[in-house]
């Protein structure tokens, strides 16, 4: 199983895009244009210990669990690297 976090932006450098992926199996060098964002209900419940709406999480209405600290640190680090690379 592999995990990857990264930060990106649009061609005008106006929009920050943070991504996280979790994958199993074989990997091949293939790039597809486009993206889909969907909720992983099992993972959300495993992290928060109960069903929580994505809206409440994104609005900051739900406290971030300690188990998510290393992920958030990785995202912040990737964001800092992306910003430094554009300066």
PDB file of N, CA and C in Angstrom:
ATOM      1  N   UNK A   1       0.849  -1.168   0.000  1.00  0.00           N
ATOM      2  CA  UNK A   1       0.000   0.000   0.000  1.00  0.00           C
ATOM      3  C   UNK A   1       0.895   1.231   0.000  1.00  0.00           C
ATOM      4  N   UNK A   2       0.569   2.223  -0.785  1.00  0.00           N
ATOM      5  CA  UNK A   2       1.341   3.453  -0.833  1.00  0.00           C
ATOM      6  C   UNK A   2       0.483   4.641  -0.472  1.00  0.00           C
ATOM      7  N   UNK A   3       1.123   5.667   0.041  1.00  0.00           N
ATOM      8  CA  UNK A   3       0.431   6.908   0.373  1.00  0.00           C
ATOM      9  C   UNK A   3       1.243   8.059  -0.197  1.00  0.00           C
ATOM     10  N   UNK A   4       0.567   9.118  -0.630  1.00  0.00           N
ATOM     11  CA  UNK A   4       1.252  10.255  -1.223  1.00  0.00           C
ATOM     12  C   UNK A   4       0.447  11.519  -0.943  1.00  0.00           C
ATOM     13  N   UNK A   5       1.125  12.568  -0.534  1.00  0.00           N
ATOM     14  CA  UNK A   5       0.478  13.870  -0.344  1.00  0.00           C
ATOM     15  C   UNK A   5       1.207  14.876  -1.213  1.00  0.00           C
ATOM     16  N   UNK A   6       0.470  15.832  -1.785  1.00  0.00           N
ATOM     17  CA  UNK A   6       1.107  16.864  -2.602  1.00  0.00           C
ATOM     18  C   UNK A   6       0.251  18.125  -2.614  1.00  0.00           C
ATOM     19  N   UNK A   7       0.868  19.208  -3.068  1.00  0.00           N
ATOM     20  CA  UNK A   7       0.158  20.473  -3.229  1.00  0.00           C
ATOM     21  C   UNK A   7       0.401  20.956  -4.646  1.00  0.00           C
ATOM     22  N   UNK A   8      -0.588  21.622  -5.228  1.00  0.00           N
ATOM     23  CA  UNK A   8      -0.479  22.082  -6.602  1.00  0.00           C
ATOM     24  C   UNK A   8      -1.283  23.368  -6.735  1.00  0.00           C
ATOM     25  N   UNK A   9      -1.242  23.971  -7.898  1.00  0.00           N
ATOM     26  CA  UNK A   9      -1.995  25.193  -8.142  1.00  0.00           C
ATOM     27  C   UNK A   9      -2.436  25.230  -9.597  1.00  0.00           C
ATOM     28  N   UNK A  10      -3.260  26.208  -9.962  1.00  0.00           N
ATOM     29  CA  UNK A  10      -3.669  26.313 -11.355  1.00  0.00           C
ATOM     30  C   UNK A  10      -2.622  27.095 -12.147  1.00  0.00           C
ATOM     31  N   UNK A  11      -2.807  27.249 -13.442  1.00  0.00           N
ATOM     32  CA  UNK A  11      -1.801  27.876 -14.296  1.00  0.00           C
ATOM     33  C   UNK A  11      -1.580  29.353 -13.982  1.00  0.00           C
ATOM     34  N   UNK A  12      -2.532  30.004 -13.331  1.00  0.00           N
ATOM     35  CA  UNK A  12      -2.372  31.398 -12.928  1.00  0.00           C
ATOM     36  C   UNK A  12      -1.814  31.525 -11.515  1.00  0.00           C
ATOM     37  N   UNK A  13      -1.551  30.406 -10.856  1.00  0.00           N
ATOM     38  CA  UNK A  13      -1.067  30.366  -9.474  1.00  0.00           C
ATOM     39  C   UNK A  13      -2.055  30.999  -8.506  1.00  0.00           C
ATOM     40  N   UNK A  14      -3.352  30.868  -8.803  1.00  0.00           N
ATOM     41  CA  UNK A  14      -4.390  31.447  -7.957  1.00  0.00           C
ATOM     42  C   UNK A  14      -5.037  30.445  -7.013  1.00  0.00           C
ATOM     43  N   UNK A  15      -5.089  29.198  -7.392  1.00  0.00           N
ATOM     44  CA  UNK A  15      -5.853  28.220  -6.638  1.00  0.00           C
ATOM     45  C   UNK A  15      -4.946  27.148  -6.073  1.00  0.00           C
ATOM     46  N   UNK A  16      -5.022  26.925  -4.771  1.00  0.00           N
ATOM     47  CA  UNK A  16      -4.258  25.858  -4.150  1.00  0.00           C
ATOM     48  C   UNK A  16      -5.065  24.568  -4.230  1.00  0.00           C
ATOM     49  N   UNK A  17      -4.419  23.501  -4.613  1.00  0.00           N
ATOM     50  CA  UNK A  17      -5.053  22.198  -4.679  1.00  0.00           C
ATOM     51  C   UNK A  17      -4.216  21.234  -3.856  1.00  0.00           C
ATOM     52  N   UNK A  18      -4.791  20.694  -2.796  1.00  0.00           N
ATOM     53  CA  UNK A  18      -4.096  19.738  -1.945  1.00  0.00           C
ATOM     54  C   UNK A  18      -4.657  18.360  -2.230  1.00  0.00           C
ATOM     55  N   UNK A  19      -3.772  17.380  -2.404  1.00  0.00           N
ATOM     56  CA  UNK A  19      -4.233  16.033  -2.705  1.00  0.00           C
ATOM     57  C   UNK A  19      -3.605  15.023  -1.770  1.00  0.00           C
ATOM     58  N   UNK A  20      -4.305  13.931  -1.588  1.00  0.00           N
ATOM     59  CA  UNK A  20      -3.798  12.809  -0.806  1.00  0.00           C
ATOM     60  C   UNK A  20      -4.306  11.553  -1.488  1.00  0.00           C
ATOM     61  N   UNK A  21      -3.439  10.587  -1.660  1.00  0.00           N
ATOM     62  CA  UNK A  21      -3.892   9.355  -2.283  1.00  0.00           C
ATOM     63  C   UNK A  21      -3.459   8.158  -1.461  1.00  0.00           C
ATOM     64  N   UNK A  22      -4.270   7.143  -1.487  1.00  0.00           N
ATOM     65  CA  UNK A  22      -3.972   5.880  -0.834  1.00  0.00           C
ATOM     66  C   UNK A  22      -4.298   4.810  -1.858  1.00  0.00           C
ATOM     67  N   UNK A  23      -3.320   3.994  -2.188  1.00  0.00           N
ATOM     68  CA  UNK A  23      -3.540   3.016  -3.251  1.00  0.00           C
ATOM     69  C   UNK A  23      -2.920   1.675  -2.897  1.00  0.00           C
ATOM     70  N   UNK A  24      -3.464   0.642  -3.484  1.00  0.00           N
ATOM     71  CA  UNK A  24      -2.942  -0.709  -3.350  1.00  0.00           C
ATOM     72  C   UNK A  24      -2.806  -1.298  -4.739  1.00  0.00           C
ATOM     73  N   UNK A  25      -1.872  -2.213  -4.896  1.00  0.00           N
ATOM     74  CA  UNK A  25      -1.767  -2.940  -6.151  1.00  0.00           C
ATOM     75  C   UNK A  25      -0.657  -2.431  -7.034  1.00  0.00           C
ATOM     76  N   UNK A  26      -0.786  -2.704  -8.326  1.00  0.00           N
ATOM     77  CA  UNK A  26       0.243  -2.359  -9.312  1.00  0.00           C
ATOM     78  C   UNK A  26       0.129  -0.891  -9.699  1.00  0.00           C
ATOM     79  N   UNK A  27       1.262  -0.320 -10.055  1.00  0.00           N
ATOM     80  CA  UNK A  27       1.309   1.076 -10.456  1.00  0.00           C
ATOM     81  C   UNK A  27       1.898   1.175 -11.858  1.00  0.00           C
ATOM     82  N   UNK A  28       1.369   2.053 -12.680  1.00  0.00           N
ATOM     83  CA  UNK A  28       1.880   2.247 -14.032  1.00  0.00           C
ATOM     84  C   UNK A  28       1.975   3.737 -14.296  1.00  0.00           C
ATOM     85  N   UNK A  29       2.836   4.122 -15.208  1.00  0.00           N
ATOM     86  CA  UNK A  29       3.009   5.534 -15.558  1.00  0.00           C
ATOM     87  C   UNK A  29       1.906   5.999 -16.485  1.00  0.00           C
ATOM     88  N   UNK A  30       0.832   6.499 -15.950  1.00  0.00           N
ATOM     89  CA  UNK A  30      -0.312   6.922 -16.735  1.00  0.00           C
ATOM     90  C   UNK A  30      -0.883   8.184 -16.118  1.00  0.00           C
ATOM     91  N   UNK A  31      -1.142   9.177 -16.941  1.00  0.00           N
ATOM     92  CA  UNK A  31      -1.737  10.420 -16.465  1.00  0.00           C
ATOM     93  C   UNK A  31      -3.045  10.658 -17.199  1.00  0.00           C
ATOM     94  N   UNK A  32      -4.087  10.934 -16.461  1.00  0.00           N
ATOM     95  CA  UNK A  32      -5.389  11.242 -17.038  1.00  0.00           C
ATOM     96  C   UNK A  32      -5.746  12.674 -16.711  1.00  0.00           C
ATOM     97  N   UNK A  33      -6.324  13.377 -17.646  1.00  0.00           N
ATOM     98  CA  UNK A  33      -6.761  14.741 -17.407  1.00  0.00           C
ATOM     99  C   UNK A  33      -8.143  14.689 -16.768  1.00  0.00           C
ATOM    100  N   UNK A  34      -8.325  15.481 -15.722  1.00  0.00           N
ATOM    101  CA  UNK A  34      -9.601  15.497 -15.025  1.00  0.00           C
ATOM    102  C   UNK A  34      -9.434  14.933 -13.630  1.00  0.00           C
ATOM    103  N   UNK A  35     -10.420  15.136 -12.816  1.00  0.00           N
ATOM    104  CA  UNK A  35     -10.349  14.649 -11.441  1.00  0.00           C
ATOM    105  C   UNK A  35     -11.748  14.421 -10.904  1.00  0.00           C
ATOM    106  N   UNK A  36     -11.810  13.567  -9.945  1.00  0.00           N
ATOM    107  CA  UNK A  36     -13.068  13.327  -9.242  1.00  0.00           C
ATOM    108  C   UNK A  36     -12.767  13.340  -7.752  1.00  0.00           C
ATOM    109  N   UNK A  37     -13.624  13.960  -7.002  1.00  0.00           N
ATOM    110  CA  UNK A  37     -13.468  13.992  -5.550  1.00  0.00           C
ATOM    111  C   UNK A  37     -14.679  13.293  -4.962  1.00  0.00           C
ATOM    112  N   UNK A  38     -14.413  12.326  -4.129  1.00  0.00           N
ATOM    113  CA  UNK A  38     -15.528  11.633  -3.482  1.00  0.00           C
ATOM    114  C   UNK A  38     -15.176  11.371  -2.037  1.00  0.00           C
ATOM    115  N   UNK A  39     -16.155  11.226  -1.251  1.00  0.00           N
ATOM    116  CA  UNK A  39     -16.013  10.970   0.175  1.00  0.00           C
ATOM    117  C   UNK A  39     -15.737   9.487   0.403  1.00  0.00           C
ATOM    118  N   UNK A  40     -14.772   9.181   1.248  1.00  0.00           N
ATOM    119  CA  UNK A  40     -14.497   7.804   1.651  1.00  0.00           C
ATOM    120  C   UNK A  40     -15.109   7.639   3.036  1.00  0.00           C
ATOM    121  N   UNK A  41     -16.349   7.166   3.069  1.00  0.00           N
ATOM    122  CA  UNK A  41     -17.102   7.098   4.321  1.00  0.00           C
ATOM    123  C   UNK A  41     -16.440   6.211   5.364  1.00  0.00           C
ATOM    124  N   UNK A  42     -15.870   5.079   4.945  1.00  0.00           N
ATOM    125  CA  UNK A  42     -15.215   4.179   5.901  1.00  0.00           C
ATOM    126  C   UNK A  42     -14.021   4.850   6.573  1.00  0.00           C
ATOM    127  N   UNK A  43     -13.198   5.530   5.786  1.00  0.00           N
ATOM    128  CA  UNK A  43     -12.025   6.206   6.347  1.00  0.00           C
ATOM    129  C   UNK A  43     -12.425   7.374   7.237  1.00  0.00           C
ATOM    130  N   UNK A  44     -13.432   8.125   6.809  1.00  0.00           N
ATOM    131  CA  UNK A  44     -13.896   9.254   7.615  1.00  0.00           C
ATOM    132  C   UNK A  44     -14.382   8.764   8.973  1.00  0.00           C
ATOM    133  N   UNK A  45     -15.159   7.702   8.980  1.00  0.00           N
ATOM    134  CA  UNK A  45     -15.660   7.170  10.248  1.00  0.00           C
ATOM    135  C   UNK A  45     -14.523   6.593  11.096  1.00  0.00           C
ATOM    136  N   UNK A  46     -13.545   5.972  10.447  1.00  0.00           N
ATOM    137  CA  UNK A  46     -12.400   5.409  11.187  1.00  0.00           C
ATOM    138  C   UNK A  46     -11.587   6.520  11.843  1.00  0.00           C
ATOM    139  N   UNK A  47     -11.426   7.638  11.179  1.00  0.00           N
ATOM    140  CA  UNK A  47     -10.628   8.744  11.720  1.00  0.00           C
ATOM    141  C   UNK A  47     -11.384   9.484  12.819  1.00  0.00           C
ATOM    142  N   UNK A  48     -12.661   9.789  12.585  1.00  0.00           N
ATOM    143  CA  UNK A  48     -13.434  10.589  13.527  1.00  0.00           C
ATOM    144  C   UNK A  48     -14.193   9.761  14.564  1.00  0.00           C
ATOM    145  N   UNK A  49     -14.267   8.447  14.363  1.00  0.00           N
ATOM    146  CA  UNK A  49     -14.934   7.585  15.327  1.00  0.00           C
ATOM    147  C   UNK A  49     -16.447   7.582  15.225  1.00  0.00           C
ATOM    148  N   UNK A  50     -16.967   8.299  14.255  1.00  0.00           N
ATOM    149  CA  UNK A  50     -18.416   8.355  14.039  1.00  0.00           C
ATOM    150  C   UNK A  50     -18.657   8.971  12.671  1.00  0.00           C
ATOM    151  N   UNK A  51     -19.873   8.919  12.207  1.00  0.00           N
ATOM    152  CA  UNK A  51     -20.202   9.533  10.923  1.00  0.00           C
ATOM    153  C   UNK A  51     -20.258  11.045  11.094  1.00  0.00           C
ATOM    154  N   UNK A  52     -19.513  11.741  10.271  1.00  0.00           N
ATOM    155  CA  UNK A  52     -19.451  13.203  10.313  1.00  0.00           C
ATOM    156  C   UNK A  52     -19.567  13.697   8.877  1.00  0.00           C
ATOM    157  N   UNK A  53     -20.334  14.751   8.655  1.00  0.00           N
ATOM    158  CA  UNK A  53     -20.497  15.250   7.292  1.00  0.00           C
ATOM    159  C   UNK A  53     -19.223  15.948   6.821  1.00  0.00           C
ATOM    160  N   UNK A  54     -18.969  15.822   5.533  1.00  0.00           N
ATOM    161  CA  UNK A  54     -17.807  16.478   4.932  1.00  0.00           C
ATOM    162  C   UNK A  54     -17.910  17.991   5.106  1.00  0.00           C
ATOM    163  N   UNK A  55     -19.101  18.519   4.989  1.00  0.00           N
ATOM    164  CA  UNK A  55     -19.325  19.955   5.152  1.00  0.00           C
ATOM    165  C   UNK A  55     -18.863  20.434   6.532  1.00  0.00           C
ATOM    166  N   UNK A  56     -19.212  19.699   7.577  1.00  0.00           N
ATOM    167  CA  UNK A  56     -18.815  20.090   8.941  1.00  0.00           C
ATOM    168  C   UNK A  56     -17.302  20.001   9.119  1.00  0.00           C
ATOM    169  N   UNK A  57     -16.688  18.993   8.514  1.00  0.00           N
ATOM    170  CA  UNK A  57     -15.235  18.849   8.603  1.00  0.00           C
ATOM    171  C   UNK A  57     -14.556  20.024   7.920  1.00  0.00           C
ATOM    172  N   UNK A  58     -14.975  20.345   6.683  1.00  0.00           N
ATOM    173  CA  UNK A  58     -14.340  21.425   5.917  1.00  0.00           C
ATOM    174  C   UNK A  58     -14.583  22.804   6.523  1.00  0.00           C
ATOM    175  N   UNK A  59     -15.688  22.978   7.222  1.00  0.00           N
ATOM    176  CA  UNK A  59     -15.980  24.256   7.880  1.00  0.00           C
ATOM    177  C   UNK A  59     -15.233  24.400   9.200  1.00  0.00           C
ATOM    178  N   UNK A  60     -14.537  23.338   9.638  1.00  0.00           N
ATOM    179  CA  UNK A  60     -13.800  23.395  10.898  1.00  0.00           C
ATOM    180  C   UNK A  60     -14.682  23.231  12.117  1.00  0.00           C
ATOM    181  N   UNK A  61     -15.876  22.702  11.924  1.00  0.00           N
ATOM    182  CA  UNK A  61     -16.815  22.515  13.038  1.00  0.00           C
ATOM    183  C   UNK A  61     -16.483  21.272  13.864  1.00  0.00           C
ATOM    184  N   UNK A  62     -15.638  20.399  13.327  1.00  0.00           N
ATOM    185  CA  UNK A  62     -15.260  19.162  13.994  1.00  0.00           C
ATOM    186  C   UNK A  62     -13.768  19.235  14.311  1.00  0.00           C
ATOM    187  N   UNK A  63     -13.407  18.940  15.551  1.00  0.00           N
ATOM    188  CA  UNK A  63     -11.996  18.959  15.946  1.00  0.00           C
ATOM    189  C   UNK A  63     -11.213  17.904  15.172  1.00  0.00           C
ATOM    190  N   UNK A  64     -10.007  18.264  14.777  1.00  0.00           N
ATOM    191  CA  UNK A  64      -9.140  17.329  14.059  1.00  0.00           C
ATOM    192  C   UNK A  64      -8.575  16.324  15.060  1.00  0.00           C
ATOM    193  N   UNK A  65      -8.756  15.038  14.804  1.00  0.00           N
ATOM    194  CA  UNK A  65      -8.237  14.034  15.737  1.00  0.00           C
ATOM    195  C   UNK A  65      -6.709  13.979  15.708  1.00  0.00           C
ATOM    196  N   UNK A  66      -6.119  13.606  16.823  1.00  0.00           N
ATOM    197  CA  UNK A  66      -4.659  13.509  16.924  1.00  0.00           C
ATOM    198  C   UNK A  66      -4.085  12.542  15.891  1.00  0.00           C
ATOM    199  N   UNK A  67      -4.851  11.518  15.511  1.00  0.00           N
ATOM    200  CA  UNK A  67      -4.362  10.538  14.540  1.00  0.00           C
ATOM    201  C   UNK A  67      -4.133  11.144  13.159  1.00  0.00           C
ATOM    202  N   UNK A  68      -4.670  12.324  12.892  1.00  0.00           N
ATOM    203  CA  UNK A  68      -4.505  12.982  11.599  1.00  0.00           C
ATOM    204  C   UNK A  68      -3.319  13.945  11.579  1.00  0.00           C
ATOM    205  N   UNK A  69      -2.619  14.100  12.687  1.00  0.00           N
ATOM    206  CA  UNK A  69      -1.539  15.088  12.787  1.00  0.00           C
ATOM    207  C   UNK A  69      -0.432  14.859  11.761  1.00  0.00           C
ATOM    208  N   UNK A  70       0.017  13.621  11.582  1.00  0.00           N
ATOM    209  CA  UNK A  70       1.111  13.373  10.638  1.00  0.00           C
ATOM    210  C   UNK A  70       0.678  13.660   9.203  1.00  0.00           C
ATOM    211  N   UNK A  71      -0.575  13.353   8.862  1.00  0.00           N
ATOM    212  CA  UNK A  71      -1.086  13.673   7.531  1.00  0.00           C
ATOM    213  C   UNK A  71      -1.123  15.187   7.312  1.00  0.00           C
ATOM    214  N   UNK A  72      -1.656  15.915   8.284  1.00  0.00           N
ATOM    215  CA  UNK A  72      -1.734  17.370   8.150  1.00  0.00           C
ATOM    216  C   UNK A  72      -0.351  17.995   8.070  1.00  0.00           C
ATOM    217  N   UNK A  73       0.599  17.462   8.822  1.00  0.00           N
ATOM    218  CA  UNK A  73       1.985  17.948   8.737  1.00  0.00           C
ATOM    219  C   UNK A  73       2.551  17.731   7.331  1.00  0.00           C
ATOM    220  N   UNK A  74       2.266  16.570   6.734  1.00  0.00           N
ATOM    221  CA  UNK A  74       2.738  16.285   5.371  1.00  0.00           C
ATOM    222  C   UNK A  74       2.109  17.239   4.363  1.00  0.00           C
ATOM    223  N   UNK A  75       0.822  17.519   4.515  1.00  0.00           N
ATOM    224  CA  UNK A  75       0.141  18.446   3.607  1.00  0.00           C
ATOM    225  C   UNK A  75       0.708  19.852   3.762  1.00  0.00           C
ATOM    226  N   UNK A  76       0.911  20.293   5.006  1.00  0.00           N
ATOM    227  CA  UNK A  76       1.485  21.625   5.233  1.00  0.00           C
ATOM    228  C   UNK A  76       2.890  21.721   4.651  1.00  0.00           C
ATOM    229  N   UNK A  77       3.673  20.658   4.795  1.00  0.00           N
ATOM    230  CA  UNK A  77       5.023  20.639   4.231  1.00  0.00           C
ATOM    231  C   UNK A  77       5.002  20.710   2.712  1.00  0.00           C
ATOM    232  N   UNK A  78       4.100  19.955   2.082  1.00  0.00           N
ATOM    233  CA  UNK A  78       3.973  19.979   0.629  1.00  0.00           C
ATOM    234  C   UNK A  78       3.517  21.353   0.144  1.00  0.00           C
ATOM    235  N   UNK A  79       2.615  21.965   0.884  1.00  0.00           N
ATOM    236  CA  UNK A  79       2.142  23.310   0.536  1.00  0.00           C
ATOM    237  C   UNK A  79       3.293  24.309   0.636  1.00  0.00           C
ATOM    238  N   UNK A  80       4.079  24.227   1.697  1.00  0.00           N
ATOM    239  CA  UNK A  80       5.220  25.142   1.877  1.00  0.00           C
ATOM    240  C   UNK A  80       6.232  24.962   0.741  1.00  0.00           C
ATOM    241  N   UNK A  81       6.472  23.728   0.335  1.00  0.00           N
ATOM    242  CA  UNK A  81       7.404  23.465  -0.768  1.00  0.00           C
ATOM    243  C   UNK A  81       6.870  24.048  -2.068  1.00  0.00           C
ATOM    244  N   UNK A  82       5.581  23.896  -2.318  1.00  0.00           N
ATOM    245  CA  UNK A  82       4.976  24.424  -3.535  1.00  0.00           C
ATOM    246  C   UNK A  82       5.053  25.942  -3.571  1.00  0.00           C
ATOM    247  N   UNK A  83       4.805  26.568  -2.431  1.00  0.00           N
ATOM    248  CA  UNK A  83       4.880  28.037  -2.371  1.00  0.00           C
ATOM    249  C   UNK A  83       6.314  28.506  -2.573  1.00  0.00           C
ATOM    250  N   UNK A  84       7.259  27.821  -1.931  1.00  0.00           N
ATOM    251  CA  UNK A  84       8.681  28.185  -2.065  1.00  0.00           C
ATOM    252  C   UNK A  84       9.148  28.019  -3.518  1.00  0.00           C
ATOM    253  N   UNK A  85       8.647  27.013  -4.201  1.00  0.00           N
ATOM    254  CA  UNK A  85       9.059  26.761  -5.580  1.00  0.00           C
ATOM    255  C   UNK A  85       8.533  27.824  -6.549  1.00  0.00           C
ATOM    256  N   UNK A  86       7.439  28.495  -6.183  1.00  0.00           N
ATOM    257  CA  UNK A  86       6.868  29.524  -7.067  1.00  0.00           C
ATOM    258  C   UNK A  86       7.481  30.890  -6.808  1.00  0.00           C
ATOM    259  N   UNK A  87       8.238  31.025  -5.713  1.00  0.00           N
ATOM    260  CA  UNK A  87       8.834  32.334  -5.390  1.00  0.00           C
ATOM    261  C   UNK A  87      10.199  32.482  -5.971  1.00  0.00           C
TER     262      UNK A  87
END
